């Protein structure tokens, strides 16, 4: 049986027009950052500016399309050596980079923290993600 890890979530109110779930993640072995959980996103995406700051050779040579709660856009890909989500470590994650500036601008206007990623169904499916909205916890399976 695969070991599961329990990860705390933070629920933010979008000015009474819905809610988003945030989770703390660690990327590039830096201090924890915030990511949105988006079960409707087919792929997880990372902020293009954040990846550019941490991967100097990031190039738009490998283009793809990503659809999230926020937008459909042409994107670029990057390899992230390690991502930590709670007690789960994901190695060599092939990330899609997307400009999340508009999302972060909207969040800032509402007094919410900046995000560096949107965690989508690819990650949730691979790690058998379960969300408990009442307890504000997410559990993921270690592979």
N, C-alpha and C. Protein backbone atom coordinates (compact mmCIF):
# COMPACT_ATOMS: atom_id res chain seq x y z
N UNK A 1 0.83 -1.17 0.00
CA UNK A 1 0.00 0.00 0.00
C UNK A 1 0.89 1.25 0.00
N UNK A 2 0.51 2.23 -0.82
CA UNK A 2 1.27 3.47 -0.91
C UNK A 2 1.04 4.32 0.33
N UNK A 3 2.11 4.95 0.79
CA UNK A 3 2.01 5.85 1.93
C UNK A 3 1.39 7.17 1.47
N UNK A 4 0.48 7.70 2.27
CA UNK A 4 -0.18 8.97 1.97
C UNK A 4 0.34 10.04 2.91
N UNK A 5 0.43 11.26 2.40
CA UNK A 5 0.82 12.39 3.23
C UNK A 5 -0.37 13.36 3.29
N UNK A 6 -0.56 13.94 4.46
CA UNK A 6 -1.63 14.90 4.67
C UNK A 6 -1.03 16.30 4.66
N UNK A 7 -1.65 17.21 3.89
CA UNK A 7 -1.09 18.54 3.67
C UNK A 7 -2.17 19.57 4.00
N UNK A 8 -1.85 20.54 4.86
CA UNK A 8 -2.84 21.57 5.19
C UNK A 8 -3.10 22.51 4.01
N UNK A 9 -4.34 22.96 3.90
CA UNK A 9 -4.74 23.89 2.85
C UNK A 9 -5.25 25.18 3.49
N UNK A 10 -5.21 26.25 2.73
CA UNK A 10 -5.75 27.54 3.16
C UNK A 10 -6.85 27.93 2.18
N UNK A 11 -8.01 28.28 2.71
CA UNK A 11 -9.14 28.69 1.88
C UNK A 11 -9.19 30.21 1.85
N UNK A 12 -9.19 30.79 0.63
CA UNK A 12 -9.30 32.24 0.52
C UNK A 12 -10.61 32.60 -0.16
N UNK A 13 -11.19 33.71 0.26
CA UNK A 13 -12.45 34.21 -0.26
C UNK A 13 -12.15 35.20 -1.37
N UNK A 14 -12.78 35.00 -2.52
CA UNK A 14 -12.58 35.89 -3.66
C UNK A 14 -13.69 36.94 -3.69
N UNK A 15 -13.74 37.78 -2.69
CA UNK A 15 -14.72 38.85 -2.55
C UNK A 15 -16.15 38.34 -2.75
N UNK A 16 -16.47 37.28 -2.03
CA UNK A 16 -17.79 36.66 -2.07
C UNK A 16 -18.21 36.19 -3.46
N UNK A 17 -17.22 35.96 -4.35
CA UNK A 17 -17.50 35.45 -5.69
C UNK A 17 -16.86 34.08 -5.86
N UNK A 18 -16.72 33.35 -4.76
CA UNK A 18 -16.12 32.02 -4.81
C UNK A 18 -14.92 31.94 -3.89
N UNK A 19 -14.25 30.80 -3.97
CA UNK A 19 -13.13 30.51 -3.09
C UNK A 19 -12.05 29.81 -3.88
N UNK A 20 -10.83 29.93 -3.41
CA UNK A 20 -9.71 29.15 -3.92
C UNK A 20 -9.03 28.47 -2.75
N UNK A 21 -8.46 27.30 -3.03
CA UNK A 21 -7.65 26.59 -2.05
C UNK A 21 -6.18 26.84 -2.37
N UNK A 22 -5.43 27.23 -1.35
CA UNK A 22 -3.99 27.43 -1.50
C UNK A 22 -3.23 26.38 -0.70
N UNK A 23 -2.07 26.01 -1.21
CA UNK A 23 -1.18 25.08 -0.53
C UNK A 23 0.23 25.64 -0.59
N UNK A 24 0.99 25.42 0.48
CA UNK A 24 2.38 25.85 0.47
C UNK A 24 3.24 24.80 -0.22
N UNK A 25 4.12 25.27 -1.10
CA UNK A 25 5.05 24.39 -1.80
C UNK A 25 6.45 24.97 -1.67
N UNK A 26 7.45 24.11 -1.85
CA UNK A 26 8.84 24.55 -1.87
C UNK A 26 9.40 24.15 -3.23
N UNK A 27 9.90 25.15 -3.95
CA UNK A 27 10.47 24.94 -5.28
C UNK A 27 11.88 25.52 -5.26
N UNK A 28 12.82 24.83 -5.89
CA UNK A 28 14.22 25.26 -5.94
C UNK A 28 14.83 25.38 -4.55
N UNK A 29 14.35 24.56 -3.61
CA UNK A 29 14.88 24.52 -2.24
C UNK A 29 14.87 25.90 -1.57
N UNK A 30 13.91 26.74 -1.95
CA UNK A 30 13.79 28.07 -1.35
C UNK A 30 12.70 28.04 -0.29
N UNK A 31 12.42 29.20 0.29
CA UNK A 31 11.35 29.29 1.28
C UNK A 31 10.03 28.91 0.64
N UNK A 32 9.08 28.52 1.45
CA UNK A 32 7.81 28.07 0.91
C UNK A 32 7.09 29.20 0.18
N UNK A 33 6.39 28.80 -0.85
CA UNK A 33 5.61 29.70 -1.70
C UNK A 33 4.18 29.17 -1.74
N UNK A 34 3.26 29.97 -2.25
CA UNK A 34 1.87 29.54 -2.36
C UNK A 34 1.54 29.06 -3.77
N UNK A 35 0.67 28.06 -3.83
CA UNK A 35 0.14 27.56 -5.10
C UNK A 35 -1.37 27.39 -4.93
N UNK A 36 -2.11 27.58 -6.01
CA UNK A 36 -3.55 27.35 -6.02
C UNK A 36 -3.78 25.90 -6.41
N UNK A 37 -4.74 25.25 -5.78
CA UNK A 37 -5.19 23.93 -6.21
C UNK A 37 -6.33 24.16 -7.20
N UNK A 38 -6.17 23.67 -8.43
CA UNK A 38 -7.19 23.85 -9.46
C UNK A 38 -7.52 22.49 -10.07
N UNK A 39 -8.56 21.85 -9.55
CA UNK A 39 -8.93 20.51 -10.02
C UNK A 39 -9.43 20.52 -11.46
N UNK A 40 -9.77 21.69 -11.99
CA UNK A 40 -10.23 21.80 -13.37
C UNK A 40 -9.11 22.03 -14.37
N UNK A 41 -7.90 22.27 -13.88
CA UNK A 41 -6.76 22.48 -14.78
C UNK A 41 -6.20 21.13 -15.20
N UNK A 42 -6.01 20.95 -16.50
CA UNK A 42 -5.49 19.66 -16.98
C UNK A 42 -4.02 19.50 -16.59
N UNK A 43 -3.27 20.59 -16.51
CA UNK A 43 -1.85 20.56 -16.18
C UNK A 43 -1.55 21.55 -15.07
N UNK A 44 -0.57 21.24 -14.28
CA UNK A 44 -0.05 22.20 -13.32
C UNK A 44 0.80 23.20 -14.09
N UNK A 45 0.76 24.45 -13.68
CA UNK A 45 1.57 25.48 -14.33
C UNK A 45 2.30 26.28 -13.27
N UNK A 46 3.45 26.81 -13.65
CA UNK A 46 4.26 27.63 -12.76
C UNK A 46 4.42 29.00 -13.38
N UNK A 47 4.53 30.01 -12.52
CA UNK A 47 4.68 31.37 -13.00
C UNK A 47 5.95 31.51 -13.83
N UNK A 48 5.78 32.03 -15.04
CA UNK A 48 6.89 32.18 -15.97
C UNK A 48 8.00 33.06 -15.38
N UNK A 49 7.64 34.16 -14.73
CA UNK A 49 8.65 35.06 -14.15
C UNK A 49 9.42 34.36 -13.03
N UNK A 50 8.72 33.58 -12.21
CA UNK A 50 9.38 32.85 -11.12
C UNK A 50 10.37 31.83 -11.67
N UNK A 51 9.95 31.10 -12.71
CA UNK A 51 10.85 30.10 -13.30
C UNK A 51 12.04 30.78 -13.98
N UNK A 52 11.80 31.90 -14.65
CA UNK A 52 12.88 32.62 -15.33
C UNK A 52 13.93 33.10 -14.33
N UNK A 53 13.49 33.52 -13.15
CA UNK A 53 14.42 33.96 -12.10
C UNK A 53 15.29 32.80 -11.59
N UNK A 54 14.77 31.58 -11.66
CA UNK A 54 15.45 30.43 -11.07
C UNK A 54 16.07 29.47 -12.08
N UNK A 55 15.70 29.59 -13.34
CA UNK A 55 16.27 28.75 -14.40
C UNK A 55 16.74 29.69 -15.50
N UNK A 56 18.00 30.10 -15.45
CA UNK A 56 18.50 31.10 -16.41
C UNK A 56 18.35 30.69 -17.88
N UNK A 57 18.45 29.40 -18.15
CA UNK A 57 18.40 28.94 -19.54
C UNK A 57 16.98 28.69 -20.04
N UNK A 58 15.99 29.14 -19.28
CA UNK A 58 14.59 28.94 -19.68
C UNK A 58 14.37 29.56 -21.06
N UNK A 59 13.83 28.77 -21.95
CA UNK A 59 13.67 29.22 -23.33
C UNK A 59 12.27 28.92 -23.82
N UNK A 60 11.81 29.71 -24.74
CA UNK A 60 10.48 29.49 -25.30
C UNK A 60 10.52 28.54 -26.49
N UNK A 61 11.61 27.79 -26.64
CA UNK A 61 11.75 26.88 -27.77
C UNK A 61 10.70 25.77 -27.74
N UNK A 62 10.38 25.29 -26.54
CA UNK A 62 9.40 24.21 -26.43
C UNK A 62 8.05 24.81 -26.04
N UNK A 63 7.21 25.08 -27.03
CA UNK A 63 5.93 25.69 -26.74
C UNK A 63 4.84 24.63 -26.67
N UNK A 64 3.86 24.89 -25.84
CA UNK A 64 2.72 24.01 -25.70
C UNK A 64 1.53 24.88 -25.32
N UNK A 65 0.37 24.30 -25.14
CA UNK A 65 -0.79 25.05 -24.71
C UNK A 65 -1.25 24.50 -23.37
N UNK A 66 -1.66 25.39 -22.48
CA UNK A 66 -2.14 24.98 -21.16
C UNK A 66 -3.45 25.70 -20.89
N UNK A 67 -4.40 24.96 -20.35
CA UNK A 67 -5.68 25.54 -19.99
C UNK A 67 -5.84 25.40 -18.49
N UNK A 68 -6.13 26.51 -17.83
CA UNK A 68 -6.36 26.50 -16.40
C UNK A 68 -7.66 27.25 -16.13
N UNK A 69 -7.98 27.34 -14.88
CA UNK A 69 -9.14 28.10 -14.44
C UNK A 69 -9.06 29.53 -14.96
N UNK A 70 -7.84 30.04 -15.13
CA UNK A 70 -7.66 31.45 -15.43
C UNK A 70 -7.56 31.76 -16.92
N UNK A 71 -6.96 30.89 -17.71
CA UNK A 71 -6.69 31.27 -19.09
C UNK A 71 -6.25 30.06 -19.92
N UNK A 72 -6.29 30.23 -21.24
CA UNK A 72 -5.65 29.30 -22.18
C UNK A 72 -4.59 30.12 -22.88
N UNK A 73 -3.38 29.61 -22.93
CA UNK A 73 -2.29 30.44 -23.43
C UNK A 73 -1.16 29.58 -23.97
N UNK A 74 -0.37 30.18 -24.87
CA UNK A 74 0.86 29.53 -25.30
C UNK A 74 1.86 29.64 -24.16
N UNK A 75 2.56 28.57 -23.90
CA UNK A 75 3.43 28.52 -22.73
C UNK A 75 4.79 27.95 -23.12
N UNK A 76 5.69 27.94 -22.15
CA UNK A 76 6.99 27.28 -22.35
C UNK A 76 7.17 26.23 -21.27
N UNK A 77 8.08 25.29 -21.51
CA UNK A 77 8.31 24.20 -20.56
C UNK A 77 9.68 24.33 -19.91
N UNK A 78 9.76 23.78 -18.69
CA UNK A 78 11.02 23.80 -17.94
C UNK A 78 11.06 22.58 -17.03
N UNK A 79 12.26 22.12 -16.74
CA UNK A 79 12.44 21.00 -15.82
C UNK A 79 12.75 21.56 -14.43
N UNK A 80 11.90 21.22 -13.45
CA UNK A 80 12.14 21.64 -12.07
C UNK A 80 12.73 20.43 -11.33
N UNK A 81 13.93 20.58 -10.77
CA UNK A 81 14.60 19.43 -10.14
C UNK A 81 13.82 18.82 -8.98
N UNK A 82 13.18 19.68 -8.15
CA UNK A 82 12.47 19.13 -6.99
C UNK A 82 11.39 20.11 -6.54
N UNK A 83 10.22 19.54 -6.26
CA UNK A 83 9.10 20.30 -5.70
C UNK A 83 8.67 19.56 -4.44
N UNK A 84 8.47 20.29 -3.36
CA UNK A 84 7.96 19.68 -2.13
C UNK A 84 6.56 20.24 -1.86
N UNK A 85 5.63 19.33 -1.69
CA UNK A 85 4.26 19.67 -1.32
C UNK A 85 4.01 18.91 -0.03
N UNK A 86 4.09 19.62 1.09
CA UNK A 86 4.00 18.93 2.38
C UNK A 86 5.12 17.90 2.47
N UNK A 87 4.77 16.67 2.84
CA UNK A 87 5.75 15.59 2.96
C UNK A 87 6.03 14.85 1.67
N UNK A 88 5.50 15.34 0.56
CA UNK A 88 5.70 14.70 -0.74
C UNK A 88 6.77 15.46 -1.53
N UNK A 89 7.77 14.74 -2.03
CA UNK A 89 8.79 15.33 -2.88
C UNK A 89 8.60 14.79 -4.29
N UNK A 90 8.52 15.70 -5.24
CA UNK A 90 8.38 15.34 -6.65
C UNK A 90 9.68 15.74 -7.32
N UNK A 91 10.35 14.77 -7.95
CA UNK A 91 11.64 15.04 -8.59
C UNK A 91 11.49 15.15 -10.10
N UNK A 92 12.31 16.01 -10.69
CA UNK A 92 12.37 16.19 -12.14
C UNK A 92 11.00 16.39 -12.77
N UNK A 93 10.30 17.39 -12.29
CA UNK A 93 8.96 17.69 -12.79
C UNK A 93 9.05 18.53 -14.06
N UNK A 94 8.46 18.04 -15.14
CA UNK A 94 8.43 18.76 -16.41
C UNK A 94 7.32 19.80 -16.32
N UNK A 95 7.69 21.03 -16.00
CA UNK A 95 6.71 22.08 -15.73
C UNK A 95 6.35 22.87 -16.98
N UNK A 96 5.15 23.40 -16.95
CA UNK A 96 4.70 24.34 -17.96
C UNK A 96 4.74 25.71 -17.31
N UNK A 97 5.33 26.68 -18.00
CA UNK A 97 5.43 28.05 -17.49
C UNK A 97 4.36 28.91 -18.16
N UNK A 98 3.69 29.71 -17.34
CA UNK A 98 2.61 30.58 -17.81
C UNK A 98 2.71 31.89 -17.05
N UNK A 99 2.37 32.99 -17.68
CA UNK A 99 2.42 34.29 -17.02
C UNK A 99 1.25 34.39 -16.05
N UNK A 100 1.53 34.40 -14.75
CA UNK A 100 0.50 34.48 -13.72
C UNK A 100 0.38 35.89 -13.13
N UNK A 101 0.93 36.88 -13.82
CA UNK A 101 0.92 38.25 -13.31
C UNK A 101 -0.50 38.77 -13.09
N UNK A 102 -1.41 38.50 -14.01
CA UNK A 102 -2.79 38.99 -13.85
C UNK A 102 -3.46 38.36 -12.63
N UNK A 103 -3.19 37.08 -12.41
CA UNK A 103 -3.73 36.39 -11.24
C UNK A 103 -3.18 37.05 -9.96
N UNK A 104 -1.88 37.26 -9.93
CA UNK A 104 -1.25 37.84 -8.75
C UNK A 104 -1.69 39.29 -8.52
N UNK A 105 -1.92 40.03 -9.60
CA UNK A 105 -2.44 41.40 -9.45
C UNK A 105 -3.82 41.37 -8.81
N UNK A 106 -4.68 40.46 -9.28
CA UNK A 106 -6.03 40.34 -8.71
C UNK A 106 -5.97 39.90 -7.25
N UNK A 107 -5.10 38.94 -6.95
CA UNK A 107 -4.94 38.49 -5.57
C UNK A 107 -4.47 39.63 -4.66
N UNK A 108 -3.50 40.42 -5.14
CA UNK A 108 -2.97 41.53 -4.35
C UNK A 108 -4.08 42.54 -4.04
N UNK A 109 -4.94 42.81 -5.01
CA UNK A 109 -6.05 43.76 -4.79
C UNK A 109 -7.02 43.25 -3.73
N UNK A 110 -7.11 41.94 -3.58
CA UNK A 110 -8.01 41.35 -2.58
C UNK A 110 -7.29 41.04 -1.27
N UNK A 111 -5.99 41.37 -1.19
CA UNK A 111 -5.24 41.14 0.03
C UNK A 111 -4.76 39.71 0.21
N UNK A 112 -4.66 38.96 -0.89
CA UNK A 112 -4.22 37.57 -0.83
C UNK A 112 -2.74 37.46 -1.22
N UNK A 113 -2.08 36.38 -0.80
CA UNK A 113 -0.65 36.23 -1.12
C UNK A 113 -0.40 35.93 -2.59
N UNK A 114 0.81 36.22 -3.01
CA UNK A 114 1.26 35.92 -4.36
C UNK A 114 1.38 34.40 -4.52
N UNK A 115 1.07 33.90 -5.71
CA UNK A 115 1.23 32.47 -5.99
C UNK A 115 2.34 32.28 -7.02
N UNK A 116 2.98 31.13 -6.98
CA UNK A 116 4.01 30.81 -7.97
C UNK A 116 3.57 29.65 -8.86
N UNK A 117 2.42 29.04 -8.53
CA UNK A 117 1.99 27.88 -9.31
C UNK A 117 0.49 27.64 -9.16
N UNK A 118 -0.02 26.89 -10.12
CA UNK A 118 -1.37 26.35 -10.07
C UNK A 118 -1.21 24.85 -10.19
N UNK A 119 -1.57 24.12 -9.14
CA UNK A 119 -1.43 22.66 -9.16
C UNK A 119 -2.71 22.07 -9.74
N UNK A 120 -2.57 21.35 -10.84
CA UNK A 120 -3.72 20.83 -11.56
C UNK A 120 -3.89 19.33 -11.47
N UNK A 121 -4.75 18.84 -12.33
CA UNK A 121 -5.16 17.44 -12.30
C UNK A 121 -4.05 16.46 -12.61
N UNK A 122 -3.03 16.87 -13.36
CA UNK A 122 -1.93 15.94 -13.65
C UNK A 122 -1.27 15.48 -12.36
N UNK A 123 -0.98 16.41 -11.48
CA UNK A 123 -0.35 16.09 -10.20
C UNK A 123 -1.33 15.37 -9.27
N UNK A 124 -2.57 15.84 -9.23
CA UNK A 124 -3.56 15.23 -8.34
C UNK A 124 -3.86 13.79 -8.76
N UNK A 125 -3.98 13.54 -10.05
CA UNK A 125 -4.25 12.19 -10.53
C UNK A 125 -3.07 11.25 -10.26
N UNK A 126 -1.87 11.70 -10.61
CA UNK A 126 -0.68 10.86 -10.43
C UNK A 126 -0.48 10.46 -8.97
N UNK A 127 -0.83 11.35 -8.05
CA UNK A 127 -0.60 11.09 -6.62
C UNK A 127 -1.91 10.82 -5.87
N UNK A 128 -2.94 10.40 -6.61
CA UNK A 128 -4.24 10.03 -6.03
C UNK A 128 -4.73 11.07 -5.01
N UNK A 129 -4.75 12.32 -5.46
CA UNK A 129 -5.12 13.42 -4.59
C UNK A 129 -6.54 13.34 -4.07
N UNK A 130 -6.69 13.64 -2.79
CA UNK A 130 -8.00 13.73 -2.16
C UNK A 130 -8.03 15.04 -1.37
N UNK A 131 -9.13 15.76 -1.51
CA UNK A 131 -9.29 17.04 -0.81
C UNK A 131 -10.44 16.91 0.18
N UNK A 132 -10.16 17.26 1.42
CA UNK A 132 -11.19 17.30 2.46
C UNK A 132 -11.45 18.77 2.76
N UNK A 133 -12.54 19.27 2.21
CA UNK A 133 -12.86 20.69 2.36
C UNK A 133 -13.23 21.04 3.80
N UNK A 134 -13.85 20.14 4.48
CA UNK A 134 -14.25 20.42 5.87
C UNK A 134 -13.03 20.60 6.77
N UNK A 135 -12.04 19.71 6.60
CA UNK A 135 -10.83 19.77 7.43
C UNK A 135 -9.74 20.65 6.82
N UNK A 136 -9.96 21.13 5.58
CA UNK A 136 -8.96 21.89 4.83
C UNK A 136 -7.62 21.17 4.80
N UNK A 137 -7.69 19.92 4.31
CA UNK A 137 -6.50 19.09 4.15
C UNK A 137 -6.57 18.40 2.79
N UNK A 138 -5.40 18.17 2.22
CA UNK A 138 -5.28 17.41 1.00
C UNK A 138 -4.36 16.24 1.30
N UNK A 139 -4.68 15.07 0.78
CA UNK A 139 -3.75 13.95 0.93
C UNK A 139 -3.29 13.51 -0.45
N UNK A 140 -2.01 13.16 -0.52
CA UNK A 140 -1.39 12.69 -1.76
C UNK A 140 -0.63 11.42 -1.45
N UNK A 141 -0.58 10.51 -2.44
CA UNK A 141 0.17 9.27 -2.30
C UNK A 141 1.60 9.47 -2.76
N UNK A 142 2.52 8.92 -1.98
CA UNK A 142 3.91 8.88 -2.41
C UNK A 142 4.05 7.74 -3.40
N UNK A 143 4.83 7.95 -4.45
CA UNK A 143 4.99 6.88 -5.46
C UNK A 143 6.17 6.01 -5.12
